Amino acid sequence: MATYEKEHMLYADGVFSDITERKRAAEDLRKHREQLEELVEERTAELG
């Protein structure tokens, strides 16, 4: 973000992105990975 002052006013210029969907997708992937790990542990225990 760039800032500058002109005529006693402070200005800011930049780009912001909404990453809500990206964060939600990452959380969904984390949950699915945990579920898969639990399934693998259960199946491994059944084999043993």
PDB file of N, CA and C in Angstrom:
ATOM      1  N   MET A   1       0.844  -1.159   0.000  1.00  0.00           N
ATOM      2  CA  MET A   1       0.000   0.000   0.000  1.00  0.00           C
ATOM      3  C   MET A   1       0.894   1.228   0.000  1.00  0.00           C
ATOM      4  N   ALA A   2       0.575   2.142  -0.840  1.00  0.00           N
ATOM      5  CA  ALA A   2       1.328   3.393  -0.925  1.00  0.00           C
ATOM      6  C   ALA A   2       0.545   4.492  -0.214  1.00  0.00           C
ATOM      7  N   THR A   3       1.265   5.343   0.465  1.00  0.00           N
ATOM      8  CA  THR A   3       0.626   6.499   1.100  1.00  0.00           C
ATOM      9  C   THR A   3       1.354   7.754   0.648  1.00  0.00           C
ATOM     10  N   TYR A   4       0.623   8.832   0.582  1.00  0.00           N
ATOM     11  CA  TYR A   4       1.239  10.108   0.237  1.00  0.00           C
ATOM     12  C   TYR A   4       0.402  11.236   0.824  1.00  0.00           C
ATOM     13  N   GLU A   5       1.032  12.368   0.957  1.00  0.00           N
ATOM     14  CA  GLU A   5       0.354  13.526   1.525  1.00  0.00           C
ATOM     15  C   GLU A   5       0.319  14.627   0.474  1.00  0.00           C
ATOM     16  N   LYS A   6      -0.844  15.284   0.380  1.00  0.00           N
ATOM     17  CA  LYS A   6      -1.007  16.374  -0.579  1.00  0.00           C
ATOM     18  C   LYS A   6      -1.948  17.387   0.049  1.00  0.00           C
ATOM     19  N   GLU A   7      -1.508  18.589   0.115  1.00  0.00           N
ATOM     20  CA  GLU A   7      -2.298  19.689   0.667  1.00  0.00           C
ATOM     21  C   GLU A   7      -2.854  19.335   2.050  1.00  0.00           C
ATOM     22  N   HIS A   8      -1.990  18.862   2.910  1.00  0.00           N
ATOM     23  CA  HIS A   8      -2.314  18.509   4.296  1.00  0.00           C
ATOM     24  C   HIS A   8      -3.333  17.380   4.421  1.00  0.00           C
ATOM     25  N   MET A   9      -3.479  16.582   3.371  1.00  0.00           N
ATOM     26  CA  MET A   9      -4.357  15.410   3.411  1.00  0.00           C
ATOM     27  C   MET A   9      -3.497  14.176   3.179  1.00  0.00           C
ATOM     28  N   LEU A  10      -3.742  13.127   3.933  1.00  0.00           N
ATOM     29  CA  LEU A  10      -3.015  11.874   3.778  1.00  0.00           C
ATOM     30  C   LEU A  10      -3.861  10.929   2.930  1.00  0.00           C
ATOM     31  N   TYR A  11      -3.270  10.399   1.877  1.00  0.00           N
ATOM     32  CA  TYR A  11      -3.956   9.490   0.971  1.00  0.00           C
ATOM     33  C   TYR A  11      -3.294   8.120   1.040  1.00  0.00           C
ATOM     34  N   ALA A  12      -4.090   7.095   0.837  1.00  0.00           N
ATOM     35  CA  ALA A  12      -3.578   5.727   0.774  1.00  0.00           C
ATOM     36  C   ALA A  12      -4.103   5.094  -0.509  1.00  0.00           C
ATOM     37  N   ASP A  13      -3.257   4.330  -1.153  1.00  0.00           N
ATOM     38  CA  ASP A  13      -3.615   3.684  -2.407  1.00  0.00           C
ATOM     39  C   ASP A  13      -3.132   2.243  -2.336  1.00  0.00           C
ATOM     40  N   GLY A  14      -4.007   1.305  -2.625  1.00  0.00           N
ATOM     41  CA  GLY A  14      -3.607  -0.096  -2.582  1.00  0.00           C
ATOM     42  C   GLY A  14      -4.714  -0.995  -3.112  1.00  0.00           C
ATOM     43  N   VAL A  15      -4.444  -2.280  -3.077  1.00  0.00           N
ATOM     44  CA  VAL A  15      -5.390  -3.280  -3.546  1.00  0.00           C
ATOM     45  C   VAL A  15      -5.630  -4.272  -2.413  1.00  0.00           C
ATOM     46  N   PHE A  16      -6.881  -4.554  -2.149  1.00  0.00           N
ATOM     47  CA  PHE A  16      -7.246  -5.523  -1.127  1.00  0.00           C
ATOM     48  C   PHE A  16      -8.052  -6.631  -1.790  1.00  0.00           C
ATOM     49  N   SER A  17      -7.863  -7.840  -1.326  1.00  0.00           N
ATOM     50  CA  SER A  17      -8.591  -8.982  -1.870  1.00  0.00           C
ATOM     51  C   SER A  17      -9.346  -9.692  -0.758  1.00  0.00           C
ATOM     52  N   ASP A  18     -10.554 -10.115  -1.060  1.00  0.00           N
ATOM     53  CA  ASP A  18     -11.339 -10.903  -0.115  1.00  0.00           C
ATOM     54  C   ASP A  18     -10.896 -12.360  -0.239  1.00  0.00           C
ATOM     55  N   ILE A  19     -10.309 -12.890   0.820  1.00  0.00           N
ATOM     56  CA  ILE A  19      -9.812 -14.265   0.789  1.00  0.00           C
ATOM     57  C   ILE A  19     -10.710 -15.207   1.594  1.00  0.00           C
ATOM     58  N   THR A  20     -11.949 -14.796   1.828  1.00  0.00           N
ATOM     59  CA  THR A  20     -12.879 -15.605   2.613  1.00  0.00           C
ATOM     60  C   THR A  20     -13.049 -16.995   2.014  1.00  0.00           C
ATOM     61  N   GLU A  21     -13.297 -17.066   0.714  1.00  0.00           N
ATOM     62  CA  GLU A  21     -13.505 -18.366   0.064  1.00  0.00           C
ATOM     63  C   GLU A  21     -12.252 -19.227   0.136  1.00  0.00           C
ATOM     64  N   ARG A  22     -11.097 -18.629  -0.044  1.00  0.00           N
ATOM     65  CA  ARG A  22      -9.843 -19.383   0.021  1.00  0.00           C
ATOM     66  C   ARG A  22      -9.652 -19.972   1.412  1.00  0.00           C
ATOM     67  N   LYS A  23      -9.931 -19.176   2.445  1.00  0.00           N
ATOM     68  CA  LYS A  23      -9.808 -19.652   3.827  1.00  0.00           C
ATOM     69  C   LYS A  23     -10.813 -20.768   4.099  1.00  0.00           C
ATOM     70  N   ARG A  24     -12.033 -20.612   3.613  1.00  0.00           N
ATOM     71  CA  ARG A  24     -13.062 -21.633   3.807  1.00  0.00           C
ATOM     72  C   ARG A  24     -12.652 -22.936   3.124  1.00  0.00           C
ATOM     73  N   ALA A  25     -12.136 -22.846   1.913  1.00  0.00           N
ATOM     74  CA  ALA A  25     -11.707 -24.039   1.191  1.00  0.00           C
ATOM     75  C   ALA A  25     -10.551 -24.723   1.914  1.00  0.00           C
ATOM     76  N   ALA A  26      -9.620 -23.950   2.433  1.00  0.00           N
ATOM     77  CA  ALA A  26      -8.494 -24.526   3.170  1.00  0.00           C
ATOM     78  C   ALA A  26      -8.983 -25.241   4.425  1.00  0.00           C
ATOM     79  N   GLU A  27      -9.952 -24.669   5.107  1.00  0.00           N
ATOM     80  CA  GLU A  27     -10.512 -25.305   6.307  1.00  0.00           C
ATOM     81  C   GLU A  27     -11.252 -26.588   5.941  1.00  0.00           C
ATOM     82  N   ASP A  28     -11.999 -26.574   4.849  1.00  0.00           N
ATOM     83  CA  ASP A  28     -12.686 -27.785   4.389  1.00  0.00           C
ATOM     84  C   ASP A  28     -11.687 -28.889   4.072  1.00  0.00           C
ATOM     85  N   LEU A  29     -10.598 -28.547   3.401  1.00  0.00           N
ATOM     86  CA  LEU A  29      -9.567 -29.538   3.091  1.00  0.00           C
ATOM     87  C   LEU A  29      -8.943 -30.105   4.356  1.00  0.00           C
ATOM     88  N   ARG A  30      -8.704 -29.261   5.340  1.00  0.00           N
ATOM     89  CA  ARG A  30      -8.119 -29.721   6.597  1.00  0.00           C
ATOM     90  C   ARG A  30      -9.051 -30.719   7.281  1.00  0.00           C
ATOM     91  N   LYS A  31     -10.345 -30.408   7.304  1.00  0.00           N
ATOM     92  CA  LYS A  31     -11.323 -31.303   7.930  1.00  0.00           C
ATOM     93  C   LYS A  31     -11.393 -32.641   7.204  1.00  0.00           C
ATOM     94  N   HIS A  32     -11.404 -32.617   5.887  1.00  0.00           N
ATOM     95  CA  HIS A  32     -11.449 -33.854   5.106  1.00  0.00           C
ATOM     96  C   HIS A  32     -10.195 -34.689   5.339  1.00  0.00           C
ATOM     97  N   ARG A  33      -9.057 -34.042   5.418  1.00  0.00           N
ATOM     98  CA  ARG A  33      -7.809 -34.760   5.667  1.00  0.00           C
ATOM     99  C   ARG A  33      -7.862 -35.454   7.026  1.00  0.00           C
ATOM    100  N   GLU A  34      -8.386 -34.764   8.043  1.00  0.00           N
ATOM    101  CA  GLU A  34      -8.513 -35.366   9.368  1.00  0.00           C
ATOM    102  C   GLU A  34      -9.449 -36.572   9.329  1.00  0.00           C
ATOM    103  N   GLN A  35     -10.562 -36.442   8.602  1.00  0.00           N
ATOM    104  CA  GLN A  35     -11.505 -37.557   8.493  1.00  0.00           C
ATOM    105  C   GLN A  35     -10.861 -38.758   7.810  1.00  0.00           C
ATOM    106  N   LEU A  36     -10.097 -38.502   6.762  1.00  0.00           N
ATOM    107  CA  LEU A  36      -9.419 -39.595   6.063  1.00  0.00           C
ATOM    108  C   LEU A  36      -8.388 -40.264   6.957  1.00  0.00           C
ATOM    109  N   GLU A  37      -7.653 -39.480   7.730  1.00  0.00           N
ATOM    110  CA  GLU A  37      -6.670 -40.051   8.648  1.00  0.00           C
ATOM    111  C   GLU A  37      -7.353 -40.935   9.686  1.00  0.00           C
ATOM    112  N   GLU A  38      -8.512 -40.508  10.186  1.00  0.00           N
ATOM    113  CA  GLU A  38      -9.260 -41.319  11.145  1.00  0.00           C
ATOM    114  C   GLU A  38      -9.726 -42.626  10.511  1.00  0.00           C
ATOM    115  N   LEU A  39     -10.205 -42.560   9.267  1.00  0.00           N
ATOM    116  CA  LEU A  39     -10.629 -43.775   8.572  1.00  0.00           C
ATOM    117  C   LEU A  39      -9.468 -44.745   8.387  1.00  0.00           C
ATOM    118  N   VAL A  40      -8.322 -44.233   8.011  1.00  0.00           N
ATOM    119  CA  VAL A  40      -7.148 -45.081   7.821  1.00  0.00           C
ATOM    120  C   VAL A  40      -6.768 -45.745   9.140  1.00  0.00           C
ATOM    121  N   GLU A  41      -6.795 -44.992  10.231  1.00  0.00           N
ATOM    122  CA  GLU A  41      -6.471 -45.563  11.540  1.00  0.00           C
ATOM    123  C   GLU A  41      -7.465 -46.655  11.923  1.00  0.00           C
ATOM    124  N   GLU A  42      -8.761 -46.428  11.667  1.00  0.00           N
ATOM    125  CA  GLU A  42      -9.781 -47.430  11.982  1.00  0.00           C
ATOM    126  C   GLU A  42      -9.572 -48.700  11.172  1.00  0.00           C
ATOM    127  N   ARG A  43      -9.346 -48.541   9.884  1.00  0.00           N
ATOM    128  CA  ARG A  43      -9.164 -49.711   9.019  1.00  0.00           C
ATOM    129  C   ARG A  43      -7.881 -50.457   9.370  1.00  0.00           C
ATOM    130  N   THR A  44      -6.851 -49.723   9.712  1.00  0.00           N
ATOM    131  CA  THR A  44      -5.593 -50.360  10.100  1.00  0.00           C
ATOM    132  C   THR A  44      -5.797 -51.173  11.375  1.00  0.00           C
ATOM    133  N   ALA A  45      -6.551 -50.634  12.321  1.00  0.00           N
ATOM    134  CA  ALA A  45      -6.831 -51.348  13.569  1.00  0.00           C
ATOM    135  C   ALA A  45      -7.653 -52.606  13.294  1.00  0.00           C
ATOM    136  N   GLU A  46      -8.577 -52.540  12.341  1.00  0.00           N
ATOM    137  CA  GLU A  46      -9.385 -53.706  11.988  1.00  0.00           C
ATOM    138  C   GLU A  46      -8.529 -54.819  11.399  1.00  0.00           C
ATOM    139  N   LEU A  47      -7.496 -54.467  10.678  1.00  0.00           N
ATOM    140  CA  LEU A  47      -6.624 -55.464  10.061  1.00  0.00           C
ATOM    141  C   LEU A  47      -5.713 -56.139  11.078  1.00  0.00           C
ATOM    142  N   GLY A  48      -5.410 -55.428  12.152  1.00  0.00           N
ATOM    143  CA  GLY A  48      -4.435 -55.900  13.138  1.00  0.00           C
ATOM    144  C   GLY A  48      -4.932 -56.865  14.119  1.00  0.00           C
TER     145      GLY A  48
END
